[in-house]
Amino acid sequence: MSDGWSDRQRRSICNFLVNSPKGTVFLSSIDTSNISKTADKVLEMLNVVVEKVGEENVVQIVTDNAANYKAAGERLMEKRQKLFWTPCAAHCIDQMLEDLDKKIKSHGVAITKARKVTTYVYSRTLVHTWMKEFTKGRELIRPVVTRFATSYLMLRCLNEQKAPLLAFFASAKWRNSKFGKSIEGKKVQRIILDTRGFWPGVVTCLKAALPLVKVLHMVDSDENPAMGFIYEAMSRAKNQIKENFNSVEKNYKPIWDIVDERWEAQMHKPLHAIGYFLNPQFQYSPDFKSTLEVKMGLYTCLQRMVSDPEERTRIDVQMDAFKNAKGLFGLPTVVATRNKKTPGAYKEA
């Protein structure tokens, strides 16, 4: 996994880490300040890391979604015939949230107004203190990993504290203060007291964004490897968005289009499909769908990662036993732990 960072002077480093069922360990760090950010240089850098680790030990290379990394990753797959390049899922979902903000006017309006409120409150210590008296100590913003998730979690916090905020900005304490009489203070008050415009807009944003934020939390967690869960999680998020808009196509379709544009271009990878197929939690679920897309991912991975035709045949035969819960897969203890272990845990066992 590569992780690049730049400071305000545009000096940059790229950290490389190795992940396995045993956990994540730091491998190396490269000063990339004087390295051109072209695909050629990125390819060279990634190839050196693969050589160091050993190609036979690498299933996938994970980078961000920038064009130079995408080009380098695809060329690396041509050079190294058994591994996959996969863009960072957290970065991809954050870009979906960014697209919601930029491409859907109501989202941009609600987020802009919400930021005016939080910026005003948190830049004035006394106002912040008064607000917390009404919210019983609850804050309006929370630090999170990604920028655009922060925007939508801010909307969620505001929505959760709607009643206390309405009470605060309608209170005598606010109205009689210098803040309540100021021009900026009145602007913020109008936003909060706008129960027909601002607050319904906040709810509409949350219906679209929170299912994606839930997936973002999953992929950004260190608790369990997410590869075997991303495919199903994104499908579930889309269904939840549709349900949130009462299945009215004109309301949910623009959201789906934004999600699909990023998913199809960046995250629709064979490894995600095979992760879904081989995850016992989904394979044995009544809702499991072995679509053509899933089967193509399965056999693409099999063809690429297993060079011996006879071994591929043996694996294909074993796959039938897995799908039909025969032999080892049908033992009572194994069946009982289907929903309690991650696929990585089965591999360790």
Protein backbone atom coordinates (compact mmCIF):
# COMPACT_ATOMS: atom_id res chain seq x y z
CA MET A 1 0.00 0.00 0.00
CA SER A 2 1.33 3.43 -0.91
CA ASP A 3 0.41 6.60 0.96
CA GLY A 4 1.68 9.96 -0.25
CA TRP A 5 1.91 13.16 1.80
CA SER A 6 2.86 16.74 0.96
CA ASP A 7 3.51 19.70 3.26
CA ARG A 8 2.84 23.40 2.67
CA GLN A 9 6.23 23.78 0.95
CA ARG A 10 5.17 21.00 -1.45
CA ARG A 11 7.80 18.65 -0.13
CA SER A 12 6.48 15.14 -0.41
CA ILE A 13 7.10 11.63 0.81
CA CYS A 14 5.56 8.29 -0.11
CA ASN A 15 5.18 5.65 2.59
CA PHE A 16 4.92 1.99 1.67
CA LEU A 17 3.20 -0.52 3.93
CA VAL A 18 2.51 -4.24 3.66
CA ASN A 19 -0.81 -5.71 4.70
CA SER A 20 -1.61 -9.38 5.33
CA PRO A 21 -4.03 -11.36 7.53
CA LYS A 22 -1.45 -10.86 10.30
CA GLY A 23 -1.82 -7.07 10.13
CA THR A 24 -0.10 -4.05 8.57
CA VAL A 25 3.59 -3.20 8.87
CA PHE A 26 5.64 -0.25 7.67
CA LEU A 27 8.04 -1.14 4.86
CA SER A 28 9.80 2.03 3.70
CA SER A 29 9.51 5.74 3.03
CA ILE A 30 10.74 7.58 -0.05
CA ASP A 31 11.37 11.31 -0.42
CA THR A 32 9.51 12.10 -3.64
CA SER A 33 10.04 15.88 -3.58
CA ASN A 34 12.43 15.80 -6.53
CA ILE A 35 10.81 12.91 -8.35
CA SER A 36 8.58 13.80 -11.27
CA LYS A 37 4.99 12.68 -10.64
CA THR A 38 4.73 11.08 -14.08
CA ALA A 39 3.38 7.59 -14.60
CA ASP A 40 6.88 6.42 -15.60
CA LYS A 41 8.40 7.47 -12.28
CA VAL A 42 5.50 6.08 -10.27
CA LEU A 43 5.78 2.78 -12.15
CA GLU A 44 9.47 2.61 -11.40
CA MET A 45 8.84 3.30 -7.71
CA LEU A 46 6.08 0.67 -7.42
CA ASN A 47 8.09 -1.92 -9.32
CA VAL A 48 11.05 -1.56 -6.95
CA VAL A 49 8.76 -2.19 -3.96
CA VAL A 50 7.26 -5.31 -5.58
CA GLU A 51 10.76 -6.59 -6.31
CA LYS A 52 11.78 -6.00 -2.70
CA VAL A 53 8.78 -7.85 -1.26
CA GLY A 54 8.83 -10.56 -3.92
CA GLU A 55 6.24 -10.73 -6.69
CA GLU A 56 5.11 -14.15 -5.51
CA ASN A 57 4.07 -12.55 -2.19
CA VAL A 58 1.98 -9.72 -3.69
CA VAL A 59 -1.73 -10.05 -4.47
CA GLN A 60 -2.44 -6.37 -5.02
CA ILE A 61 -0.91 -2.91 -4.98
CA VAL A 62 -3.16 -0.23 -3.45
CA THR A 63 -2.59 3.45 -4.28
CA ASP A 64 -4.67 6.60 -4.52
CA ASN A 65 -6.81 7.30 -7.58
CA ALA A 66 -4.71 10.01 -9.25
CA ALA A 67 -4.29 9.65 -13.01
CA ASN A 68 -0.53 9.02 -12.81
CA TYR A 69 -1.00 6.25 -10.22
CA LYS A 70 -3.81 4.69 -12.26
CA ALA A 71 -1.67 4.64 -15.40
CA ALA A 72 1.31 3.27 -13.48
CA GLY A 73 -0.84 0.62 -11.78
CA GLU A 74 -2.25 -0.63 -15.06
CA ARG A 75 1.21 -0.79 -16.59
CA LEU A 76 2.51 -2.60 -13.52
CA MET A 77 -0.17 -5.28 -14.08
CA GLU A 78 1.16 -5.71 -17.63
CA LYS A 79 4.70 -6.10 -16.29
CA ARG A 80 3.83 -8.27 -13.30
CA GLN A 81 1.43 -10.89 -14.60
CA LYS A 82 0.01 -12.23 -11.31
CA LEU A 83 -0.81 -9.17 -9.20
CA PHE A 84 -3.57 -6.56 -9.35
CA TRP A 85 -3.52 -2.79 -8.98
CA THR A 86 -6.45 -1.45 -6.94
CA PRO A 87 -7.23 2.18 -6.11
CA CYS A 88 -7.87 3.13 -2.49
CA ALA A 89 -11.51 2.47 -1.59
CA ALA A 90 -11.62 5.22 1.05
CA HIS A 91 -10.34 7.78 -1.46
CA CYS A 92 -12.90 6.61 -4.03
CA ILE A 93 -15.84 6.93 -1.64
CA ASP A 94 -14.61 10.33 -0.47
CA GLN A 95 -14.64 11.40 -4.13
CA MET A 96 -18.26 10.20 -4.39
CA LEU A 97 -19.13 12.47 -1.47
CA GLU A 98 -17.23 15.31 -3.12
CA ASP A 99 -19.24 14.78 -6.31
CA LEU A 100 -22.50 14.96 -4.35
CA ASP A 101 -21.39 18.31 -2.94
CA LYS A 102 -20.28 19.70 -6.32
CA LYS A 103 -22.82 18.24 -8.73
CA ILE A 104 -26.08 18.43 -6.77
CA LYS A 105 -26.97 22.04 -6.04
CA SER A 106 -29.06 21.34 -2.93
CA HIS A 107 -26.10 19.56 -1.31
CA GLY A 108 -23.73 22.45 -1.98
CA VAL A 109 -26.24 24.96 -0.61
CA ALA A 110 -26.91 22.98 2.59
CA ILE A 111 -23.21 22.36 3.27
CA THR A 112 -22.29 26.02 2.66
CA LYS A 113 -24.98 27.22 5.09
CA ALA A 114 -23.99 24.61 7.67
CA ARG A 115 -20.36 25.73 7.50
CA LYS A 116 -21.43 29.34 8.08
CA VAL A 117 -23.17 28.22 11.26
CA THR A 118 -20.32 26.12 12.62
CA THR A 119 -17.64 28.65 11.63
CA TYR A 120 -19.56 31.41 13.42
CA VAL A 121 -20.19 29.34 16.57
CA TYR A 122 -16.66 27.94 16.87
CA SER A 123 -14.93 31.28 16.24
CA ARG A 124 -16.68 32.88 19.24
CA THR A 125 -15.92 31.25 22.57
CA LEU A 126 -18.91 32.68 24.40
CA VAL A 127 -21.38 31.64 21.69
CA HIS A 128 -19.84 28.17 21.69
CA THR A 129 -20.25 27.95 25.46
CA TRP A 130 -23.87 29.09 25.32
CA MET A 131 -24.67 26.63 22.54
CA LYS A 132 -23.29 23.73 24.58
CA GLU A 133 -25.62 24.71 27.43
CA PHE A 134 -28.53 23.99 25.09
CA THR A 135 -27.02 20.89 23.45
CA LYS A 136 -25.96 19.48 26.85
CA GLY A 137 -22.31 19.44 25.88
CA ARG A 138 -22.74 17.97 22.41
CA GLU A 139 -20.58 19.40 19.62
CA LEU A 140 -21.56 20.23 16.03
CA ILE A 141 -18.40 18.97 14.34
CA ARG A 142 -16.34 15.81 14.70
CA PRO A 143 -12.87 15.06 13.35
CA VAL A 144 -12.89 12.29 10.75
CA VAL A 145 -10.41 10.87 8.28
CA THR A 146 -11.66 12.37 5.02
CA ARG A 147 -12.62 15.91 4.10
CA PHE A 148 -16.01 15.37 2.51
CA ALA A 149 -17.15 12.83 5.09
CA THR A 150 -16.54 15.64 7.57
CA SER A 151 -19.03 17.84 5.71
CA TYR A 152 -21.80 15.26 5.84
CA LEU A 153 -21.10 14.24 9.43
CA MET A 154 -21.35 17.95 10.28
CA LEU A 155 -24.83 17.93 8.73
CA ARG A 156 -25.71 14.85 10.77
CA CYS A 157 -24.57 16.52 13.99
CA LEU A 158 -26.60 19.63 13.17
CA ASN A 159 -29.67 17.51 12.43
CA GLU A 160 -29.26 15.60 15.69
CA GLN A 161 -29.09 18.90 17.56
CA LYS A 162 -31.88 20.62 15.61
CA ALA A 163 -34.20 21.15 18.58
CA PRO A 164 -31.49 22.57 20.91
CA LEU A 165 -30.21 24.85 18.13
CA LEU A 166 -33.70 26.17 17.39
CA ALA A 167 -34.17 26.82 21.10
CA PHE A 168 -30.79 28.55 21.43
CA PHE A 169 -31.19 30.92 18.48
CA ALA A 170 -34.75 31.76 19.55
CA SER A 171 -33.79 32.33 23.20
CA ALA A 172 -33.72 35.68 25.02
CA LYS A 173 -30.05 35.04 25.83
CA TRP A 174 -29.21 35.05 22.11
CA ARG A 175 -31.60 37.83 21.04
CA ASN A 176 -30.44 40.22 23.78
CA SER A 177 -26.73 39.62 23.24
CA LYS A 178 -24.41 41.62 21.00
CA PHE A 179 -24.09 38.53 18.83
CA GLY A 180 -27.83 38.28 18.24
CA LYS A 181 -27.94 41.94 17.24
CA SER A 182 -24.98 41.79 14.84
CA ILE A 183 -25.35 41.42 11.08
CA GLU A 184 -23.43 38.11 10.97
CA GLY A 185 -25.32 36.80 13.97
CA LYS A 186 -28.67 37.53 12.34
CA LYS A 187 -27.56 35.72 9.17
CA VAL A 188 -26.71 32.59 11.17
CA GLN A 189 -29.97 32.88 13.10
CA ARG A 190 -31.96 33.02 9.86
CA ILE A 191 -30.27 29.82 8.66
CA ILE A 192 -31.09 27.92 11.83
CA LEU A 193 -34.69 29.17 12.04
CA ASP A 194 -35.36 28.31 8.38
CA THR A 195 -37.44 25.18 9.03
CA ARG A 196 -38.85 25.08 5.49
CA GLY A 197 -35.60 25.43 3.54
CA PHE A 198 -32.42 24.65 5.44
CA TRP A 199 -33.52 21.74 7.62
CA PRO A 200 -35.37 19.75 4.90
CA GLY A 201 -32.27 20.28 2.74
CA VAL A 202 -30.08 18.79 5.45
CA VAL A 203 -32.29 15.70 5.68
CA THR A 204 -32.19 15.25 1.88
CA CYS A 205 -28.38 15.38 1.92
CA LEU A 206 -28.18 12.80 4.69
CA LYS A 207 -30.48 10.39 2.86
CA ALA A 208 -27.96 10.32 0.02
CA ALA A 209 -24.66 10.51 1.88
CA LEU A 210 -24.94 8.52 5.11
CA PRO A 211 -25.09 5.06 3.43
CA LEU A 212 -21.81 5.95 1.68
CA VAL A 213 -20.27 7.28 4.89
CA LYS A 214 -21.10 3.92 6.51
CA VAL A 215 -19.13 2.10 3.79
CA LEU A 216 -16.28 4.61 4.23
CA HIS A 217 -16.09 3.78 7.94
CA MET A 218 -15.92 0.08 7.10
CA VAL A 219 -13.10 0.35 4.55
CA ASP A 220 -11.14 2.77 6.72
CA SER A 221 -11.34 0.58 9.81
CA ASP A 222 -8.38 -1.43 11.06
CA GLU A 223 -10.60 -4.03 12.75
CA ASN A 224 -11.26 -6.38 9.82
CA PRO A 225 -9.94 -6.62 6.24
CA ALA A 226 -12.55 -4.99 4.00
CA MET A 227 -11.79 -6.66 0.66
CA GLY A 228 -14.35 -9.43 1.15
CA PHE A 229 -17.06 -6.95 2.09
CA ILE A 230 -16.76 -3.91 -0.25
CA TYR A 231 -18.75 -5.34 -3.16
CA GLU A 232 -21.76 -6.23 -1.01
CA ALA A 233 -21.47 -3.06 1.08
CA MET A 234 -21.67 -0.81 -1.98
CA SER A 235 -24.68 -2.73 -3.28
CA ARG A 236 -26.36 -2.41 0.11
CA ALA A 237 -25.56 1.33 0.23
CA LYS A 238 -27.22 1.90 -3.16
CA ASN A 239 -30.31 -0.02 -2.08
CA GLN A 240 -30.47 2.01 1.13
CA ILE A 241 -30.25 5.27 -0.83
CA LYS A 242 -33.11 4.10 -3.05
CA GLU A 243 -35.16 3.17 0.01
CA ASN A 244 -34.39 6.52 1.68
CA PHE A 245 -35.98 8.28 -1.29
CA ASN A 246 -39.01 5.95 -1.23
CA SER A 247 -37.91 4.36 -4.53
CA VAL A 248 -38.80 7.54 -6.44
CA GLU A 249 -36.40 7.28 -9.39
CA LYS A 250 -36.08 11.00 -10.13
CA ASN A 251 -34.84 11.52 -6.55
CA TYR A 252 -32.40 8.62 -6.15
CA LYS A 253 -31.20 8.19 -9.76
CA PRO A 254 -28.87 11.26 -9.74
CA ILE A 255 -27.22 9.84 -6.61
CA TRP A 256 -26.86 6.41 -8.18
CA ASP A 257 -25.32 7.94 -11.32
CA ILE A 258 -22.63 9.67 -9.24
CA VAL A 259 -21.89 6.47 -7.29
CA ASP A 260 -21.81 4.32 -10.42
CA GLU A 261 -19.52 6.72 -12.28
CA ARG A 262 -16.85 6.40 -9.60
CA TRP A 263 -17.47 2.70 -8.91
CA GLU A 264 -17.36 1.60 -12.54
CA ALA A 265 -14.29 3.70 -13.37
CA GLN A 266 -12.26 3.07 -10.22
CA MET A 267 -13.51 0.37 -7.89
CA HIS A 268 -15.15 -2.20 -10.13
CA LYS A 269 -12.27 -4.68 -9.83
CA PRO A 270 -12.13 -8.51 -10.06
CA LEU A 271 -10.71 -8.77 -6.53
CA HIS A 272 -13.82 -7.14 -5.08
CA ALA A 273 -16.05 -9.59 -6.95
CA ILE A 274 -14.07 -12.65 -5.87
CA GLY A 275 -13.94 -11.29 -2.31
CA TYR A 276 -17.74 -11.24 -2.32
CA PHE A 277 -17.99 -14.72 -3.86
CA LEU A 278 -15.55 -16.36 -1.43
CA ASN A 279 -16.94 -14.70 1.71
CA PRO A 280 -18.98 -17.38 3.56
CA GLN A 281 -21.15 -14.65 5.11
CA PHE A 282 -22.51 -13.86 1.65
CA GLN A 283 -22.08 -17.14 -0.27
CA TYR A 284 -24.53 -18.94 2.01
CA SER A 285 -26.94 -16.05 2.40
CA PRO A 286 -30.38 -16.28 0.74
CA ASP A 287 -29.63 -12.88 -0.82
CA PHE A 288 -26.41 -14.03 -2.51
CA LYS A 289 -26.32 -13.17 -6.23
CA SER A 290 -23.84 -14.98 -8.45
CA THR A 291 -24.16 -12.54 -11.34
CA LEU A 292 -22.15 -12.61 -14.55
CA GLU A 293 -20.10 -9.74 -13.13
CA VAL A 294 -19.21 -11.79 -10.04
CA LYS A 295 -18.36 -14.90 -12.09
CA MET A 296 -16.16 -12.87 -14.44
CA GLY A 297 -14.28 -11.48 -11.44
CA LEU A 298 -13.85 -14.96 -10.02
CA TYR A 299 -12.41 -16.50 -13.17
CA THR A 300 -10.34 -13.43 -14.04
CA CYS A 301 -8.58 -13.74 -10.69
CA LEU A 302 -8.21 -17.51 -11.06
CA GLN A 303 -6.69 -17.15 -14.52
CA ARG A 304 -4.30 -14.39 -13.48
CA MET A 305 -3.16 -15.69 -10.11
CA VAL A 306 -2.87 -19.43 -10.83
CA SER A 307 -0.61 -20.19 -13.78
CA ASP A 308 -0.88 -24.00 -13.68
CA PRO A 309 -3.96 -25.18 -15.69
CA GLU A 310 -4.28 -28.37 -13.66
CA GLU A 311 -4.27 -26.45 -10.40
CA ARG A 312 -6.93 -24.08 -11.79
CA THR A 313 -9.07 -27.12 -12.59
CA ARG A 314 -8.65 -28.51 -9.05
CA ILE A 315 -9.63 -25.14 -7.59
CA ASP A 316 -12.68 -24.96 -9.86
CA VAL A 317 -13.78 -28.40 -8.62
CA GLN A 318 -13.21 -27.33 -4.99
CA MET A 319 -15.35 -24.27 -5.72
CA ASP A 320 -18.36 -26.56 -6.26
CA ALA A 321 -17.82 -28.11 -2.82
CA PHE A 322 -17.62 -24.62 -1.35
CA LYS A 323 -20.79 -23.39 -3.08
CA ASN A 324 -22.77 -26.48 -2.10
CA ALA A 325 -21.35 -26.70 1.45
CA LYS A 326 -19.99 -30.19 0.93
CA GLY A 327 -17.15 -31.94 2.77
CA LEU A 328 -15.22 -29.63 5.10
CA PHE A 329 -17.50 -26.70 4.21
CA GLY A 330 -20.54 -28.58 5.52
CA LEU A 331 -19.18 -29.55 8.93
CA PRO A 332 -21.40 -28.25 11.79
CA THR A 333 -18.57 -26.24 13.38
CA VAL A 334 -17.71 -24.58 10.06
CA VAL A 335 -21.37 -23.79 9.36
CA ALA A 336 -21.76 -22.28 12.84
CA THR A 337 -18.87 -19.87 12.28
CA ARG A 338 -19.84 -18.60 8.82
CA ASN A 339 -21.01 -15.25 10.16
CA LYS A 340 -18.42 -15.00 12.93
CA LYS A 341 -15.15 -15.16 11.00
CA THR A 342 -13.72 -13.02 8.25
CA PRO A 343 -12.34 -14.79 5.16
CA GLY A 344 -8.84 -13.94 6.37
CA ALA A 345 -9.47 -15.77 9.60
CA TYR A 346 -10.35 -18.92 7.69
CA LYS A 347 -7.08 -18.66 5.80
CA GLU A 348 -5.12 -18.40 9.07
CA ALA A 349 -6.90 -21.46 10.44
